[in-house]
Amino acid sequence: MRLVCLLLTVGILGGCASTSSRTFSGLNRDHPAFHSDECRIAAEDTRVHDELKLVRMIASPVALVLSAGSLLPAVIAANAGLDTADRIDASRMEIHCGGKGKSAGEIATGVVGGAALGIVTGPALKAVAPIQLPAGLGPVPSTR
């Protein structure tokens, strides 16, 4: 039970910022490339990725609850696609701002790890805090 709570806490606190925002906050501001136009333009995308991350954090569980889990493959695919775009943009921004960026393999590993964590924490969250919808909304509750 403690492990589940720890995973949820880390996921909630660490999951609020996009990869692009976390990358930007870790950039070396003393590097000459940090003050370039390319870096500034690349950094502007962090706001979009933060907003998409927030929408994903709200919409994904709602879609899963309202569909009784039938949208799980679509939710995983959509989140993995958006996470991939965020990680690619973060890597490009890091390169434009004086960092080394990430390889395609590192990006893929991060996306797969994020998707796996989402799959694992989804059922754990349901076990810890089952969601009860008002009568007439969503699936019929199981009698387990």
Protein backbone atom coordinates (compact mmCIF):
# COMPACT_ATOMS: atom_id res chain seq x y z
CA MET A 1 0.00 0.00 0.00
CA ARG A 2 2.86 2.39 0.79
CA LEU A 3 4.43 1.64 -2.59
CA VAL A 4 1.17 2.48 -4.36
CA CYS A 5 0.87 5.78 -2.46
CA LEU A 6 4.50 6.60 -3.23
CA LEU A 7 4.05 5.88 -6.94
CA LEU A 8 0.91 8.01 -7.08
CA THR A 9 2.57 10.89 -5.25
CA VAL A 10 5.60 10.80 -7.55
CA GLY A 11 3.35 10.55 -10.59
CA ILE A 12 1.17 13.46 -9.52
CA LEU A 13 3.98 15.78 -8.41
CA GLY A 14 6.46 14.85 -11.12
CA GLY A 15 3.85 14.55 -13.81
CA CYS A 16 2.59 18.12 -13.73
CA ALA A 17 5.32 19.61 -15.93
CA SER A 18 6.00 18.53 -19.48
CA THR A 19 9.34 17.06 -20.48
CA SER A 20 9.99 20.27 -22.40
CA SER A 21 9.50 22.38 -19.26
CA ARG A 22 11.68 20.11 -17.14
CA THR A 23 14.36 20.22 -19.85
CA PHE A 24 14.18 24.02 -20.09
CA SER A 25 14.55 24.43 -16.34
CA GLY A 26 17.70 22.29 -16.44
CA LEU A 27 19.44 24.21 -19.20
CA ASN A 28 22.73 26.01 -18.60
CA ARG A 29 21.79 29.68 -18.75
CA ASP A 30 25.47 30.64 -19.02
CA HIS A 31 25.90 28.84 -22.34
CA PRO A 32 26.07 31.29 -25.29
CA ALA A 33 23.46 29.29 -27.25
CA PHE A 34 20.93 29.79 -24.45
CA HIS A 35 20.47 33.42 -25.54
CA SER A 36 20.11 32.61 -29.27
CA ASP A 37 16.94 33.09 -31.31
CA GLU A 38 16.81 29.35 -32.04
CA CYS A 39 16.75 28.60 -28.31
CA ARG A 40 14.07 31.21 -27.64
CA ILE A 41 11.86 29.89 -30.45
CA ALA A 42 12.29 26.28 -29.31
CA ALA A 43 11.53 27.24 -25.70
CA GLU A 44 8.22 28.84 -26.70
CA ASP A 45 6.77 25.36 -27.34
CA THR A 46 7.04 24.44 -23.66
CA ARG A 47 3.78 26.25 -22.89
CA VAL A 48 1.89 24.17 -25.46
CA HIS A 49 3.31 20.93 -24.08
CA ASP A 50 2.42 21.98 -20.50
CA GLU A 51 -1.18 22.67 -21.54
CA LEU A 52 -1.42 19.37 -23.41
CA LYS A 53 -0.02 17.53 -20.39
CA LEU A 54 -2.64 19.10 -18.12
CA VAL A 55 -5.46 18.19 -20.53
CA ARG A 56 -4.12 14.62 -20.78
CA MET A 57 -4.00 14.28 -17.00
CA ILE A 58 -7.68 15.24 -16.76
CA ALA A 59 -9.14 13.78 -19.96
CA SER A 60 -7.48 10.35 -19.90
CA PRO A 61 -9.02 9.11 -16.62
CA VAL A 62 -12.38 10.64 -17.50
CA ALA A 63 -12.41 8.89 -20.88
CA LEU A 64 -11.46 5.59 -19.27
CA VAL A 65 -14.12 5.82 -16.57
CA LEU A 66 -16.89 6.89 -18.93
CA SER A 67 -15.99 4.16 -21.44
CA ALA A 68 -15.61 1.46 -18.77
CA GLY A 69 -12.05 0.99 -19.94
CA SER A 70 -12.88 0.28 -23.57
CA LEU A 71 -10.88 3.33 -24.68
CA LEU A 72 -7.70 2.12 -22.96
CA PRO A 73 -5.79 1.32 -26.19
CA ALA A 74 -6.77 4.67 -27.72
CA VAL A 75 -5.85 6.60 -24.56
CA ILE A 76 -2.48 4.85 -24.33
CA ALA A 77 -1.77 5.51 -28.02
CA ALA A 78 -2.79 9.18 -27.81
CA ASN A 79 -0.74 9.78 -24.66
CA ALA A 80 2.28 7.97 -26.12
CA GLY A 81 2.04 10.06 -29.30
CA LEU A 82 1.82 13.34 -27.40
CA ASP A 83 4.62 12.25 -25.05
CA THR A 84 6.80 11.40 -28.06
CA ALA A 85 6.22 14.86 -29.57
CA ASP A 86 7.02 16.50 -26.22
CA ARG A 87 10.25 14.52 -25.82
CA ILE A 88 11.37 15.21 -29.40
CA ASP A 89 10.72 18.95 -28.97
CA ALA A 90 12.54 18.90 -25.61
CA SER A 91 15.54 17.26 -27.23
CA ARG A 92 15.59 19.77 -30.09
CA MET A 93 15.29 22.64 -27.62
CA GLU A 94 18.18 21.24 -25.59
CA ILE A 95 20.33 21.09 -28.73
CA HIS A 96 19.38 24.65 -29.79
CA CYS A 97 20.11 25.93 -26.28
CA GLY A 98 23.58 24.42 -25.93
CA GLY A 99 22.87 20.92 -24.62
CA LYS A 100 23.50 17.53 -26.20
CA GLY A 101 19.88 16.42 -26.68
CA LYS A 102 18.57 12.87 -26.55
CA SER A 103 19.01 10.04 -29.01
CA ALA A 104 16.01 8.36 -30.63
CA GLY A 105 16.62 5.36 -28.38
CA GLU A 106 16.57 7.51 -25.23
CA ILE A 107 13.35 9.18 -26.37
CA ALA A 108 11.71 5.82 -27.13
CA THR A 109 12.79 4.40 -23.77
CA GLY A 110 11.25 7.39 -21.97
CA VAL A 111 7.97 7.08 -23.88
CA VAL A 112 7.70 3.34 -23.21
CA GLY A 113 8.56 3.88 -19.54
CA GLY A 114 5.90 6.57 -19.22
CA ALA A 115 3.28 4.39 -20.91
CA ALA A 116 4.17 1.44 -18.67
CA LEU A 117 3.90 3.61 -15.56
CA GLY A 118 0.50 4.84 -16.73
CA ILE A 119 -0.71 1.28 -17.24
CA VAL A 120 0.56 0.21 -13.82
CA THR A 121 -0.73 3.21 -11.87
CA GLY A 122 -4.15 3.22 -13.57
CA PRO A 123 -5.36 -0.04 -11.93
CA ALA A 124 -3.53 0.87 -8.71
CA LEU A 125 -5.43 4.15 -8.53
CA LYS A 126 -8.72 2.36 -9.11
CA ALA A 127 -7.90 -0.10 -6.31
CA VAL A 128 -7.00 2.69 -3.89
CA ALA A 129 -9.78 5.13 -4.76
CA PRO A 130 -12.62 3.53 -6.73
CA ILE A 131 -14.63 6.14 -8.56
CA GLN A 132 -18.38 6.21 -8.12
CA LEU A 133 -20.32 8.09 -10.77
CA PRO A 134 -23.80 9.48 -10.21
CA ALA A 135 -26.64 7.14 -11.19
CA GLY A 136 -27.16 6.99 -14.93
CA LEU A 137 -23.61 8.06 -15.85
CA GLY A 138 -20.93 5.67 -17.02
CA PRO A 139 -20.88 1.89 -16.70
CA VAL A 140 -22.91 -0.12 -14.24
CA PRO A 141 -20.78 -0.73 -11.11
CA SER A 142 -19.50 -4.26 -10.76
CA THR A 143 -20.49 -6.35 -7.76
CA ARG A 144 -17.00 -7.59 -6.92
